[in-house]
Amino acid sequence: VVKTGDLVKQGDSVGRVGFSGDALFPHVHYALLAGAEISRSEGIPAYFTRFRRLLGGKAIDVKLGSLDSGDIVESTVQYPQEAGQPTIPRRPPLH
């Protein structure tokens, strides 16, 4: 997990998903800035790979794209099951 001022590159873990306050869904807060000083740095876009954007009753698979505040998404990456870990069932795609 990164901290303020850390430099990140593609593939780095930047946070953990969880609940805070009155959240109904697990989520993560993040901001990407061009520098370490919040008041002097511009925001830069973040792009994610291999995710599914859920829109009402539809699901759209995205190979590369950005997220907007409030987007509901899930990963489409298939991770090998680690020894001793329960298998997490995947919800079938919405149509």
N, C-alpha and C. Protein backbone atom coordinates (compact mmCIF):
# COMPACT_ATOMS: atom_id res chain seq x y z
N VAL A 1 0.85 -1.17 0.00
CA VAL A 1 0.00 0.00 0.00
C VAL A 1 0.90 1.24 0.00
N VAL A 2 0.55 2.20 -0.83
CA VAL A 2 1.37 3.40 -0.93
C VAL A 2 0.96 4.44 0.10
N LYS A 3 1.90 5.35 0.36
CA LYS A 3 1.67 6.46 1.28
C LYS A 3 1.92 7.76 0.53
N THR A 4 1.47 8.86 1.07
CA THR A 4 1.67 10.16 0.47
C THR A 4 3.14 10.35 0.10
N GLY A 5 3.38 10.75 -1.14
CA GLY A 5 4.74 11.01 -1.60
C GLY A 5 5.41 9.83 -2.28
N ASP A 6 4.86 8.63 -2.14
CA ASP A 6 5.45 7.46 -2.80
C ASP A 6 5.27 7.57 -4.31
N LEU A 7 6.25 7.10 -5.05
CA LEU A 7 6.13 6.99 -6.50
C LEU A 7 5.58 5.62 -6.83
N VAL A 8 4.67 5.55 -7.77
CA VAL A 8 4.09 4.27 -8.16
C VAL A 8 4.28 4.06 -9.65
N LYS A 9 4.29 2.81 -10.03
CA LYS A 9 4.38 2.46 -11.45
C LYS A 9 3.31 1.42 -11.74
N GLN A 10 3.09 1.18 -13.01
CA GLN A 10 2.07 0.21 -13.42
C GLN A 10 2.29 -1.12 -12.72
N GLY A 11 1.21 -1.67 -12.17
CA GLY A 11 1.27 -2.96 -11.50
C GLY A 11 1.45 -2.88 -10.00
N ASP A 12 1.81 -1.69 -9.47
CA ASP A 12 1.96 -1.55 -8.02
C ASP A 12 0.60 -1.60 -7.34
N SER A 13 0.55 -2.20 -6.17
CA SER A 13 -0.66 -2.18 -5.35
C SER A 13 -0.75 -0.79 -4.72
N VAL A 14 -1.91 -0.14 -4.86
CA VAL A 14 -2.04 1.22 -4.35
C VAL A 14 -2.97 1.33 -3.15
N GLY A 15 -3.65 0.26 -2.80
CA GLY A 15 -4.55 0.34 -1.66
C GLY A 15 -5.28 -0.96 -1.45
N ARG A 16 -6.14 -0.93 -0.44
CA ARG A 16 -6.98 -2.09 -0.14
C ARG A 16 -8.43 -1.65 -0.18
N VAL A 17 -9.27 -2.53 -0.62
CA VAL A 17 -10.69 -2.25 -0.68
C VAL A 17 -11.30 -2.54 0.67
N GLY A 18 -12.22 -1.67 1.10
CA GLY A 18 -12.87 -1.90 2.38
C GLY A 18 -14.04 -0.97 2.59
N PHE A 19 -14.56 -0.96 3.80
CA PHE A 19 -15.69 -0.12 4.17
C PHE A 19 -15.21 1.04 5.03
N SER A 20 -15.89 2.17 4.91
CA SER A 20 -15.63 3.28 5.81
C SER A 20 -16.93 4.04 6.02
N GLY A 21 -17.11 4.56 7.20
CA GLY A 21 -18.31 5.33 7.48
C GLY A 21 -19.58 4.54 7.23
N ASP A 22 -20.50 5.14 6.50
CA ASP A 22 -21.79 4.52 6.22
C ASP A 22 -21.81 3.83 4.87
N ALA A 23 -20.68 3.42 4.35
CA ALA A 23 -20.59 2.82 3.02
C ALA A 23 -21.46 1.57 2.91
N LEU A 24 -22.15 1.45 1.79
CA LEU A 24 -22.95 0.25 1.52
C LEU A 24 -22.13 -0.82 0.81
N PHE A 25 -21.10 -0.38 0.09
CA PHE A 25 -20.27 -1.30 -0.70
C PHE A 25 -18.81 -1.09 -0.34
N PRO A 26 -18.00 -2.15 -0.44
CA PRO A 26 -16.55 -1.95 -0.25
C PRO A 26 -16.05 -1.03 -1.35
N HIS A 27 -15.09 -0.18 -1.01
CA HIS A 27 -14.58 0.78 -1.98
C HIS A 27 -13.18 1.22 -1.57
N VAL A 28 -12.54 1.97 -2.45
CA VAL A 28 -11.22 2.51 -2.17
C VAL A 28 -11.19 3.97 -2.61
N HIS A 29 -10.56 4.81 -1.81
CA HIS A 29 -10.36 6.22 -2.16
C HIS A 29 -8.92 6.37 -2.62
N TYR A 30 -8.72 7.11 -3.71
CA TYR A 30 -7.35 7.35 -4.15
C TYR A 30 -7.32 8.65 -4.95
N ALA A 31 -6.14 9.21 -5.06
CA ALA A 31 -5.90 10.37 -5.91
C ALA A 31 -4.51 10.20 -6.50
N LEU A 32 -4.39 10.48 -7.78
CA LEU A 32 -3.08 10.45 -8.43
C LEU A 32 -2.70 11.88 -8.77
N LEU A 33 -1.51 12.28 -8.32
CA LEU A 33 -1.05 13.64 -8.52
C LEU A 33 0.29 13.64 -9.24
N ALA A 34 0.56 14.71 -9.95
CA ALA A 34 1.82 14.83 -10.69
C ALA A 34 2.99 15.16 -9.77
N GLY A 35 2.75 15.46 -8.51
CA GLY A 35 3.82 15.77 -7.55
C GLY A 35 3.41 15.38 -6.15
N ALA A 36 4.31 15.59 -5.21
CA ALA A 36 4.06 15.18 -3.83
C ALA A 36 3.28 16.21 -3.02
N GLU A 37 3.23 17.46 -3.46
CA GLU A 37 2.53 18.50 -2.70
C GLU A 37 1.11 18.64 -3.22
N ILE A 38 0.13 18.31 -2.39
CA ILE A 38 -1.26 18.31 -2.81
C ILE A 38 -1.69 19.66 -3.34
N SER A 39 -1.34 20.74 -2.67
CA SER A 39 -1.81 22.07 -3.08
C SER A 39 -1.11 22.60 -4.32
N ARG A 40 -0.01 21.99 -4.73
CA ARG A 40 0.74 22.48 -5.90
C ARG A 40 0.78 21.49 -7.05
N SER A 41 0.11 20.36 -6.91
CA SER A 41 0.19 19.32 -7.92
C SER A 41 -1.14 19.14 -8.65
N GLU A 42 -1.04 18.89 -9.94
CA GLU A 42 -2.24 18.62 -10.72
C GLU A 42 -2.59 17.15 -10.64
N GLY A 43 -3.88 16.87 -10.73
CA GLY A 43 -4.32 15.48 -10.79
C GLY A 43 -3.99 14.88 -12.14
N ILE A 44 -3.71 13.60 -12.16
CA ILE A 44 -3.45 12.90 -13.43
C ILE A 44 -4.41 11.72 -13.54
N PRO A 45 -4.77 11.38 -14.78
CA PRO A 45 -5.75 10.29 -14.95
C PRO A 45 -5.17 8.93 -14.56
N ALA A 46 -6.04 8.06 -14.10
CA ALA A 46 -5.67 6.68 -13.76
C ALA A 46 -6.38 5.76 -14.76
N TYR A 47 -5.67 4.81 -15.27
CA TYR A 47 -6.26 3.83 -16.19
C TYR A 47 -6.09 2.45 -15.59
N PHE A 48 -7.12 1.64 -15.73
CA PHE A 48 -7.13 0.29 -15.20
C PHE A 48 -7.35 -0.69 -16.35
N THR A 49 -6.86 -1.92 -16.17
CA THR A 49 -7.03 -2.94 -17.19
C THR A 49 -7.92 -4.06 -16.68
N ARG A 50 -8.58 -4.70 -17.60
CA ARG A 50 -9.36 -5.92 -17.36
C ARG A 50 -10.35 -5.79 -16.20
N PHE A 51 -11.38 -4.97 -16.42
CA PHE A 51 -12.44 -4.86 -15.42
C PHE A 51 -13.79 -4.84 -16.12
N ARG A 52 -14.82 -5.02 -15.34
CA ARG A 52 -16.20 -5.01 -15.83
C ARG A 52 -16.93 -3.86 -15.15
N ARG A 53 -17.49 -2.96 -15.97
CA ARG A 53 -18.27 -1.83 -15.45
C ARG A 53 -19.73 -2.26 -15.40
N LEU A 54 -20.36 -2.16 -14.22
CA LEU A 54 -21.74 -2.57 -14.03
C LEU A 54 -22.63 -1.34 -14.11
N LEU A 55 -23.57 -1.36 -15.06
CA LEU A 55 -24.46 -0.22 -15.30
C LEU A 55 -25.90 -0.71 -15.28
N GLY A 56 -26.56 -0.57 -14.15
CA GLY A 56 -27.93 -1.06 -14.05
C GLY A 56 -27.96 -2.55 -14.31
N GLY A 57 -28.70 -2.98 -15.33
CA GLY A 57 -28.80 -4.39 -15.67
C GLY A 57 -27.79 -4.83 -16.71
N LYS A 58 -26.84 -3.96 -17.07
CA LYS A 58 -25.84 -4.29 -18.09
C LYS A 58 -24.46 -4.37 -17.47
N ALA A 59 -23.60 -5.13 -18.11
CA ALA A 59 -22.19 -5.19 -17.73
C ALA A 59 -21.36 -5.00 -18.98
N ILE A 60 -20.35 -4.15 -18.89
CA ILE A 60 -19.49 -3.87 -20.04
C ILE A 60 -18.07 -4.25 -19.66
N ASP A 61 -17.49 -5.21 -20.39
CA ASP A 61 -16.10 -5.58 -20.16
C ASP A 61 -15.20 -4.52 -20.76
N VAL A 62 -14.20 -4.08 -19.99
CA VAL A 62 -13.28 -3.03 -20.42
C VAL A 62 -11.86 -3.58 -20.37
N LYS A 63 -11.13 -3.48 -21.49
CA LYS A 63 -9.74 -3.93 -21.52
C LYS A 63 -8.81 -2.87 -20.92
N LEU A 64 -9.08 -1.59 -21.20
CA LEU A 64 -8.30 -0.47 -20.67
C LEU A 64 -9.22 0.73 -20.58
N GLY A 65 -9.31 1.33 -19.40
CA GLY A 65 -10.17 2.49 -19.26
C GLY A 65 -10.01 3.15 -17.91
N SER A 66 -10.62 4.31 -17.80
CA SER A 66 -10.58 5.05 -16.54
C SER A 66 -11.90 4.85 -15.80
N LEU A 67 -11.92 5.24 -14.54
CA LEU A 67 -13.11 5.13 -13.71
C LEU A 67 -13.58 6.52 -13.33
N ASP A 68 -14.89 6.65 -13.17
CA ASP A 68 -15.47 7.89 -12.67
C ASP A 68 -15.97 7.65 -11.25
N SER A 69 -16.03 8.69 -10.47
CA SER A 69 -16.55 8.58 -9.11
C SER A 69 -17.92 7.94 -9.13
N GLY A 70 -18.11 6.94 -8.30
CA GLY A 70 -19.40 6.26 -8.23
C GLY A 70 -19.54 5.06 -9.14
N ASP A 71 -18.56 4.81 -10.03
CA ASP A 71 -18.63 3.63 -10.89
C ASP A 71 -18.62 2.37 -10.03
N ILE A 72 -19.40 1.40 -10.45
CA ILE A 72 -19.39 0.08 -9.81
C ILE A 72 -18.70 -0.87 -10.78
N VAL A 73 -17.60 -1.46 -10.33
CA VAL A 73 -16.79 -2.30 -11.20
C VAL A 73 -16.38 -3.58 -10.48
N GLU A 74 -15.96 -4.55 -11.27
CA GLU A 74 -15.35 -5.76 -10.72
C GLU A 74 -14.24 -6.19 -11.66
N SER A 75 -13.24 -6.83 -11.11
CA SER A 75 -12.11 -7.30 -11.90
C SER A 75 -12.53 -8.48 -12.76
N THR A 76 -11.96 -8.56 -13.94
CA THR A 76 -12.16 -9.74 -14.77
C THR A 76 -10.90 -10.60 -14.81
N VAL A 77 -9.92 -10.25 -13.99
CA VAL A 77 -8.68 -11.02 -13.90
C VAL A 77 -8.96 -12.31 -13.14
N GLN A 78 -8.50 -13.42 -13.66
CA GLN A 78 -8.66 -14.71 -13.00
C GLN A 78 -7.36 -15.03 -12.27
N TYR A 79 -7.40 -15.02 -10.94
CA TYR A 79 -6.22 -15.32 -10.15
C TYR A 79 -6.22 -16.79 -9.76
N PRO A 80 -5.05 -17.42 -9.78
CA PRO A 80 -5.01 -18.82 -9.33
C PRO A 80 -5.34 -18.88 -7.84
N GLN A 81 -6.04 -19.92 -7.46
CA GLN A 81 -6.41 -20.09 -6.05
C GLN A 81 -5.17 -20.41 -5.24
N GLU A 82 -4.98 -19.68 -4.15
CA GLU A 82 -3.84 -19.95 -3.27
C GLU A 82 -4.19 -21.12 -2.36
N ALA A 83 -3.19 -21.89 -2.01
CA ALA A 83 -3.40 -23.06 -1.15
C ALA A 83 -4.09 -22.66 0.14
N GLY A 84 -5.14 -23.37 0.48
CA GLY A 84 -5.84 -23.13 1.73
C GLY A 84 -6.85 -22.00 1.69
N GLN A 85 -6.93 -21.28 0.58
CA GLN A 85 -7.88 -20.16 0.48
C GLN A 85 -9.17 -20.65 -0.17
N PRO A 86 -10.31 -20.21 0.34
CA PRO A 86 -11.57 -20.61 -0.28
C PRO A 86 -11.71 -19.99 -1.67
N THR A 87 -12.39 -20.69 -2.54
CA THR A 87 -12.65 -20.16 -3.87
C THR A 87 -13.75 -19.13 -3.76
N ILE A 88 -13.53 -17.96 -4.34
CA ILE A 88 -14.54 -16.91 -4.33
C ILE A 88 -15.36 -17.04 -5.61
N PRO A 89 -16.65 -17.34 -5.48
CA PRO A 89 -17.46 -17.51 -6.69
C PRO A 89 -17.61 -16.20 -7.43
N ARG A 90 -17.52 -16.26 -8.75
CA ARG A 90 -17.72 -15.10 -9.60
C ARG A 90 -19.17 -15.05 -10.03
N ARG A 91 -19.74 -13.86 -10.01
CA ARG A 91 -21.10 -13.67 -10.48
C ARG A 91 -21.07 -13.77 -12.00
N PRO A 92 -22.05 -14.43 -12.62
CA PRO A 92 -22.08 -14.50 -14.08
C PRO A 92 -22.30 -13.11 -14.65
N PRO A 93 -21.80 -12.85 -15.87
CA PRO A 93 -21.99 -11.52 -16.48
C PRO A 93 -23.46 -11.17 -16.61
N LEU A 94 -23.77 -9.92 -16.41
CA LEU A 94 -25.13 -9.43 -16.62
C LEU A 94 -25.36 -9.20 -18.11
N HIS A 95 -26.55 -9.41 -18.58
CA HIS A 95 -26.86 -9.16 -20.00
C HIS A 95 -28.07 -8.27 -20.12
